[in-house]
């Protein structure tokens, strides 16, 4: 009886719960945050399968899923920054969380603009413009982007869980603050390369 969009909504709710737990600034909060994030990722991976099984695939559902991913990551990094700030008293962690969230937002905007431009240019998403749809990466730049994206997209929840077990989630803040900027810039350059004249 559950629709794909309801599963996507559950992903947002558990992602927000993850952020709330991370804000507590305790090891227990980080562990709960990591578990909630893991559940959010499970829901995120199930919604598309449910949509296909129940023939509920739609443009709205696809966009809702993308928005859910953005919201979960947009909340996660600043919440982690607040939690580490509460534990340490150092404001640097707040800035790192904000920088990672900003990078996540810019990346989402860049992906949207590239996707829109591909549609306008008539680029077939299954054969051109990215490795997201099963196309093999070509060249060192595409492989680097592919590995970075997969680590921080599909496996990010496991990285958070492992770091939470060792009380090292703070490591995600400098990596996220720098990595998010590098990733959106690389995506922007790669996307611009596809449409050179």
C-alpha atoms as a PDB file:
ATOM      1  CA  UNK A   1       0.000   0.000   0.000  1.00  0.00           C
ATOM      2  CA  UNK A   2       3.011   2.348   0.193  1.00  0.00           C
ATOM      3  CA  UNK A   3       3.797   4.519  -2.802  1.00  0.00           C
ATOM      4  CA  UNK A   4       7.274   5.369  -4.059  1.00  0.00           C
ATOM      5  CA  UNK A   5       6.768   9.029  -3.146  1.00  0.00           C
ATOM      6  CA  UNK A   6       5.860   8.054   0.419  1.00  0.00           C
ATOM      7  CA  UNK A   7       9.140   6.146   0.661  1.00  0.00           C
ATOM      8  CA  UNK A   8      10.953   9.237  -0.622  1.00  0.00           C
ATOM      9  CA  UNK A   9       9.210  11.303   2.064  1.00  0.00           C
ATOM     10  CA  UNK A  10      10.313   8.742   4.674  1.00  0.00           C
ATOM     11  CA  UNK A  11      13.865   9.215   3.401  1.00  0.00           C
ATOM     12  CA  UNK A  12      13.587  12.958   4.077  1.00  0.00           C
ATOM     13  CA  UNK A  13      12.170  12.394   7.575  1.00  0.00           C
ATOM     14  CA  UNK A  14      14.902   9.941   8.571  1.00  0.00           C
ATOM     15  CA  UNK A  15      17.522  12.229   7.009  1.00  0.00           C
ATOM     16  CA  UNK A  16      16.232  15.108   9.150  1.00  0.00           C
ATOM     17  CA  UNK A  17      16.324  12.818  12.196  1.00  0.00           C
ATOM     18  CA  UNK A  18      19.950  12.071  11.340  1.00  0.00           C
ATOM     19  CA  UNK A  19      20.718  15.781  11.330  1.00  0.00           C
ATOM     20  CA  UNK A  20      18.970  16.291  14.667  1.00  0.00           C
ATOM     21  CA  UNK A  21      20.975  13.455  16.234  1.00  0.00           C
ATOM     22  CA  UNK A  22      24.257  14.772  14.809  1.00  0.00           C
ATOM     23  CA  UNK A  23      23.541  18.201  16.332  1.00  0.00           C
ATOM     24  CA  UNK A  24      23.684  16.742  19.839  1.00  0.00           C
ATOM     25  CA  UNK A  25      27.481  16.772  19.823  1.00  0.00           C
ATOM     26  CA  UNK A  26      27.845  13.420  21.556  1.00  0.00           C
ATOM     27  CA  UNK A  27      29.172  10.057  20.449  1.00  0.00           C
ATOM     28  CA  UNK A  28      25.728   8.545  21.066  1.00  0.00           C
ATOM     29  CA  UNK A  29      24.142  11.269  18.951  1.00  0.00           C
ATOM     30  CA  UNK A  30      26.619  10.588  16.162  1.00  0.00           C
ATOM     31  CA  UNK A  31      25.836   6.852  16.285  1.00  0.00           C
ATOM     32  CA  UNK A  32      22.090   7.517  16.136  1.00  0.00           C
ATOM     33  CA  UNK A  33      22.675  10.043  13.365  1.00  0.00           C
ATOM     34  CA  UNK A  34      24.646   7.472  11.390  1.00  0.00           C
ATOM     35  CA  UNK A  35      21.909   4.864  11.848  1.00  0.00           C
ATOM     36  CA  UNK A  36      19.183   7.303  10.789  1.00  0.00           C
ATOM     37  CA  UNK A  37      21.282   8.240   7.751  1.00  0.00           C
ATOM     38  CA  UNK A  38      21.669   4.563   6.870  1.00  0.00           C
ATOM     39  CA  UNK A  39      17.874   4.138   7.007  1.00  0.00           C
ATOM     40  CA  UNK A  40      17.437   7.294   4.877  1.00  0.00           C
ATOM     41  CA  UNK A  41      19.771   5.778   2.275  1.00  0.00           C
ATOM     42  CA  UNK A  42      17.866   2.494   2.346  1.00  0.00           C
ATOM     43  CA  UNK A  43      14.613   4.363   1.698  1.00  0.00           C
ATOM     44  CA  UNK A  44      16.352   6.390  -1.016  1.00  0.00           C
ATOM     45  CA  UNK A  45      17.448   3.197  -2.752  1.00  0.00           C
ATOM     46  CA  UNK A  46      13.998   1.600  -2.429  1.00  0.00           C
ATOM     47  CA  UNK A  47      11.808   4.384  -3.812  1.00  0.00           C
ATOM     48  CA  UNK A  48      12.919   3.919  -7.418  1.00  0.00           C
ATOM     49  CA  UNK A  49      12.520   0.141  -7.191  1.00  0.00           C
ATOM     50  CA  UNK A  50       9.000   0.538  -5.811  1.00  0.00           C
ATOM     51  CA  UNK A  51       8.164   3.062  -8.537  1.00  0.00           C
ATOM     52  CA  UNK A  52       9.279   0.617 -11.229  1.00  0.00           C
ATOM     53  CA  UNK A  53       7.563  -2.404  -9.636  1.00  0.00           C
ATOM     54  CA  UNK A  54       4.268  -0.535  -9.194  1.00  0.00           C
ATOM     55  CA  UNK A  55       4.536   1.384 -12.457  1.00  0.00           C
ATOM     56  CA  UNK A  56       4.592   4.665 -10.524  1.00  0.00           C
ATOM     57  CA  UNK A  57       7.593   6.210 -12.260  1.00  0.00           C
ATOM     58  CA  UNK A  58       7.045   9.880 -13.002  1.00  0.00           C
ATOM     59  CA  UNK A  59       8.948  13.075 -13.629  1.00  0.00           C
ATOM     60  CA  UNK A  60       7.617  14.412 -10.321  1.00  0.00           C
ATOM     61  CA  UNK A  61       8.892  11.329  -8.492  1.00  0.00           C
ATOM     62  CA  UNK A  62      12.328  11.664 -10.064  1.00  0.00           C
ATOM     63  CA  UNK A  63      12.562  15.327  -9.122  1.00  0.00           C
ATOM     64  CA  UNK A  64      11.180  14.633  -5.629  1.00  0.00           C
ATOM     65  CA  UNK A  65      13.885  11.981  -5.167  1.00  0.00           C
ATOM     66  CA  UNK A  66      16.606  14.432  -6.258  1.00  0.00           C
ATOM     67  CA  UNK A  67      15.213  17.071  -3.911  1.00  0.00           C
ATOM     68  CA  UNK A  68      15.160  14.545  -1.052  1.00  0.00           C
ATOM     69  CA  UNK A  69      18.832  13.702  -1.625  1.00  0.00           C
ATOM     70  CA  UNK A  70      19.682  17.395  -1.600  1.00  0.00           C
ATOM     71  CA  UNK A  71      17.698  18.087   1.601  1.00  0.00           C
ATOM     72  CA  UNK A  72      19.279  15.185   3.489  1.00  0.00           C
ATOM     73  CA  UNK A  73      22.818  16.312   2.622  1.00  0.00           C
ATOM     74  CA  UNK A  74      21.986  19.987   3.037  1.00  0.00           C
ATOM     75  CA  UNK A  75      20.894  19.273   6.629  1.00  0.00           C
ATOM     76  CA  UNK A  76      23.551  16.687   7.472  1.00  0.00           C
ATOM     77  CA  UNK A  77      26.695  18.802   7.134  1.00  0.00           C
ATOM     78  CA  UNK A  78      25.576  21.906   9.072  1.00  0.00           C
ATOM     79  CA  UNK A  79      24.054  19.650  11.745  1.00  0.00           C
ATOM     80  CA  UNK A  80      27.362  17.801  12.075  1.00  0.00           C
ATOM     81  CA  UNK A  81      29.119  21.169  12.262  1.00  0.00           C
ATOM     82  CA  UNK A  82      26.812  22.259  15.100  1.00  0.00           C
ATOM     83  CA  UNK A  83      27.422  18.977  16.917  1.00  0.00           C
ATOM     84  CA  UNK A  84      31.210  19.241  16.683  1.00  0.00           C
ATOM     85  CA  UNK A  85      30.977  22.913  17.695  1.00  0.00           C
ATOM     86  CA  UNK A  86      28.946  21.951  20.771  1.00  0.00           C
ATOM     87  CA  UNK A  87      31.557  19.360  21.717  1.00  0.00           C
ATOM     88  CA  UNK A  88      34.619  21.546  21.058  1.00  0.00           C
ATOM     89  CA  UNK A  89      33.504  25.171  21.288  1.00  0.00           C
ATOM     90  CA  UNK A  90      35.428  25.953  18.073  1.00  0.00           C
ATOM     91  CA  UNK A  91      33.427  28.004  15.535  1.00  0.00           C
ATOM     92  CA  UNK A  92      35.539  26.667  12.659  1.00  0.00           C
ATOM     93  CA  UNK A  93      33.318  23.562  12.634  1.00  0.00           C
ATOM     94  CA  UNK A  94      30.227  25.687  11.991  1.00  0.00           C
ATOM     95  CA  UNK A  95      31.932  27.281   8.993  1.00  0.00           C
ATOM     96  CA  UNK A  96      33.063  23.916   7.623  1.00  0.00           C
ATOM     97  CA  UNK A  97      29.515  22.549   7.920  1.00  0.00           C
ATOM     98  CA  UNK A  98      28.137  25.622   6.137  1.00  0.00           C
ATOM     99  CA  UNK A  99      30.772  25.340   3.378  1.00  0.00           C
ATOM    100  CA  UNK A 100      29.919  21.667   2.805  1.00  0.00           C
ATOM    101  CA  UNK A 101      26.196  22.485   2.664  1.00  0.00           C
ATOM    102  CA  UNK A 102      26.848  25.329   0.215  1.00  0.00           C
ATOM    103  CA  UNK A 103      28.921  23.012  -1.980  1.00  0.00           C
ATOM    104  CA  UNK A 104      26.143  20.425  -1.896  1.00  0.00           C
ATOM    105  CA  UNK A 105      23.636  23.065  -3.003  1.00  0.00           C
ATOM    106  CA  UNK A 106      25.857  24.373  -5.773  1.00  0.00           C
ATOM    107  CA  UNK A 107      26.432  20.807  -6.971  1.00  0.00           C
ATOM    108  CA  UNK A 108      22.683  20.204  -7.092  1.00  0.00           C
ATOM    109  CA  UNK A 109      22.206  23.411  -9.102  1.00  0.00           C
ATOM    110  CA  UNK A 110      25.042  22.516 -11.496  1.00  0.00           C
ATOM    111  CA  UNK A 111      23.599  19.034 -12.052  1.00  0.00           C
ATOM    112  CA  UNK A 112      20.170  20.552 -12.737  1.00  0.00           C
ATOM    113  CA  UNK A 113      21.575  23.066 -15.226  1.00  0.00           C
ATOM    114  CA  UNK A 114      23.629  20.421 -17.039  1.00  0.00           C
ATOM    115  CA  UNK A 115      20.625  18.078 -17.197  1.00  0.00           C
ATOM    116  CA  UNK A 116      18.448  20.889 -18.535  1.00  0.00           C
ATOM    117  CA  UNK A 117      21.045  21.771 -21.144  1.00  0.00           C
ATOM    118  CA  UNK A 118      21.362  18.114 -22.192  1.00  0.00           C
ATOM    119  CA  UNK A 119      17.610  17.858 -22.676  1.00  0.00           C
ATOM    120  CA  UNK A 120      17.589  21.059 -24.694  1.00  0.00           C
ATOM    121  CA  UNK A 121      20.467  19.773 -26.855  1.00  0.00           C
ATOM    122  CA  UNK A 122      18.768  16.399 -27.272  1.00  0.00           C
ATOM    123  CA  UNK A 123      21.544  14.408 -25.572  1.00  0.00           C
ATOM    124  CA  UNK A 124      20.348  10.906 -24.753  1.00  0.00           C
ATOM    125  CA  UNK A 125      20.910  10.404 -21.011  1.00  0.00           C
ATOM    126  CA  UNK A 126      21.429   6.665 -21.466  1.00  0.00           C
ATOM    127  CA  UNK A 127      24.282   7.029 -23.950  1.00  0.00           C
ATOM    128  CA  UNK A 128      25.823  10.423 -23.456  1.00  0.00           C
ATOM    129  CA  UNK A 129      26.713  12.830 -20.753  1.00  0.00           C
ATOM    130  CA  UNK A 130      27.629  10.900 -17.684  1.00  0.00           C
ATOM    131  CA  UNK A 131      28.268   7.610 -16.028  1.00  0.00           C
ATOM    132  CA  UNK A 132      25.087   7.717 -13.948  1.00  0.00           C
ATOM    133  CA  UNK A 133      23.162   5.565 -16.402  1.00  0.00           C
ATOM    134  CA  UNK A 134      25.554   2.702 -16.884  1.00  0.00           C
ATOM    135  CA  UNK A 135      27.990   4.282 -19.340  1.00  0.00           C
ATOM    136  CA  UNK A 136      31.582   3.348 -18.534  1.00  0.00           C
ATOM    137  CA  UNK A 137      33.795   6.279 -17.421  1.00  0.00           C
ATOM    138  CA  UNK A 138      36.385   7.309 -20.001  1.00  0.00           C
ATOM    139  CA  UNK A 139      39.666   8.940 -19.054  1.00  0.00           C
ATOM    140  CA  UNK A 140      41.233   9.845 -15.735  1.00  0.00           C
ATOM    141  CA  UNK A 141      38.936  12.838 -15.113  1.00  0.00           C
ATOM    142  CA  UNK A 142      35.737  10.800 -15.520  1.00  0.00           C
ATOM    143  CA  UNK A 143      37.115   7.932 -13.414  1.00  0.00           C
ATOM    144  CA  UNK A 144      38.093  10.323 -10.609  1.00  0.00           C
ATOM    145  CA  UNK A 145      34.633  11.928 -10.646  1.00  0.00           C
ATOM    146  CA  UNK A 146      32.970   8.512 -10.780  1.00  0.00           C
ATOM    147  CA  UNK A 147      34.907   7.171  -7.773  1.00  0.00           C
ATOM    148  CA  UNK A 148      34.370  10.368  -5.756  1.00  0.00           C
ATOM    149  CA  UNK A 149      30.651  10.434  -6.578  1.00  0.00           C
ATOM    150  CA  UNK A 150      30.119   6.775  -5.721  1.00  0.00           C
ATOM    151  CA  UNK A 151      31.974   7.030  -2.425  1.00  0.00           C
ATOM    152  CA  UNK A 152      30.002  10.054  -1.328  1.00  0.00           C
ATOM    153  CA  UNK A 153      26.699   9.072  -2.834  1.00  0.00           C
ATOM    154  CA  UNK A 154      26.029   5.368  -2.513  1.00  0.00           C
ATOM    155  CA  UNK A 155      28.526   4.557   0.225  1.00  0.00           C
ATOM    156  CA  UNK A 156      28.448   7.791   2.220  1.00  0.00           C
ATOM    157  CA  UNK A 157      26.141   6.329   4.880  1.00  0.00           C
ATOM    158  CA  UNK A 158      28.622   3.498   5.515  1.00  0.00           C
ATOM    159  CA  UNK A 159      31.508   5.952   5.789  1.00  0.00           C
ATOM    160  CA  UNK A 160      29.487   7.948   8.347  1.00  0.00           C
ATOM    161  CA  UNK A 161      28.631   4.787  10.292  1.00  0.00           C
ATOM    162  CA  UNK A 162      32.249   3.610  10.446  1.00  0.00           C
ATOM    163  CA  UNK A 163      33.470   7.058  11.501  1.00  0.00           C
ATOM    164  CA  UNK A 164      30.720   7.283  14.146  1.00  0.00           C
ATOM    165  CA  UNK A 165      31.801   3.946  15.618  1.00  0.00           C
ATOM    166  CA  UNK A 166      35.251   5.434  16.209  1.00  0.00           C
ATOM    167  CA  UNK A 167      33.929   8.905  17.175  1.00  0.00           C
ATOM    168  CA  UNK A 168      35.579  10.443  14.102  1.00  0.00           C
ATOM    169  CA  UNK A 169      32.629  11.972  12.234  1.00  0.00           C
ATOM    170  CA  UNK A 170      34.322  15.366  12.552  1.00  0.00           C
ATOM    171  CA  UNK A 171      36.651  14.243   9.729  1.00  0.00           C
ATOM    172  CA  UNK A 172      33.724  14.617   7.318  1.00  0.00           C
ATOM    173  CA  UNK A 173      33.580  18.373   7.814  1.00  0.00           C
ATOM    174  CA  UNK A 174      36.909  19.426   6.239  1.00  0.00           C
ATOM    175  CA  UNK A 175      36.581  16.706   3.601  1.00  0.00           C
ATOM    176  CA  UNK A 176      33.005  17.786   2.801  1.00  0.00           C
ATOM    177  CA  UNK A 177      33.824  21.499   2.840  1.00  0.00           C
ATOM    178  CA  UNK A 178      36.668  21.105   0.350  1.00  0.00           C
ATOM    179  CA  UNK A 179      35.426  18.053  -1.545  1.00  0.00           C
ATOM    180  CA  UNK A 180      32.002  19.517  -2.306  1.00  0.00           C
ATOM    181  CA  UNK A 181      33.591  22.567  -3.935  1.00  0.00           C
ATOM    182  CA  UNK A 182      36.014  20.438  -5.944  1.00  0.00           C
ATOM    183  CA  UNK A 183      33.212  18.143  -7.048  1.00  0.00           C
ATOM    184  CA  UNK A 184      30.819  20.836  -8.303  1.00  0.00           C
ATOM    185  CA  UNK A 185      33.680  22.638 -10.060  1.00  0.00           C
ATOM    186  CA  UNK A 186      34.735  19.396 -11.773  1.00  0.00           C
ATOM    187  CA  UNK A 187      31.124  18.675 -12.754  1.00  0.00           C
ATOM    188  CA  UNK A 188      30.755  22.185 -14.142  1.00  0.00           C
ATOM    189  CA  UNK A 189      33.960  21.865 -16.195  1.00  0.00           C
ATOM    190  CA  UNK A 190      32.982  18.385 -17.411  1.00  0.00           C
ATOM    191  CA  UNK A 191      29.481  19.603 -18.302  1.00  0.00           C
ATOM    192  CA  UNK A 192      30.882  22.623 -20.133  1.00  0.00           C
ATOM    193  CA  UNK A 193      33.221  20.327 -22.109  1.00  0.00           C
ATOM    194  CA  UNK A 194      30.204  18.420 -23.445  1.00  0.00           C
ATOM    195  CA  UNK A 195      28.787  21.548 -25.046  1.00  0.00           C
ATOM    196  CA  UNK A 196      31.863  23.248 -26.459  1.00  0.00           C
ATOM    197  CA  UNK A 197      31.429  24.715 -29.912  1.00  0.00           C
END
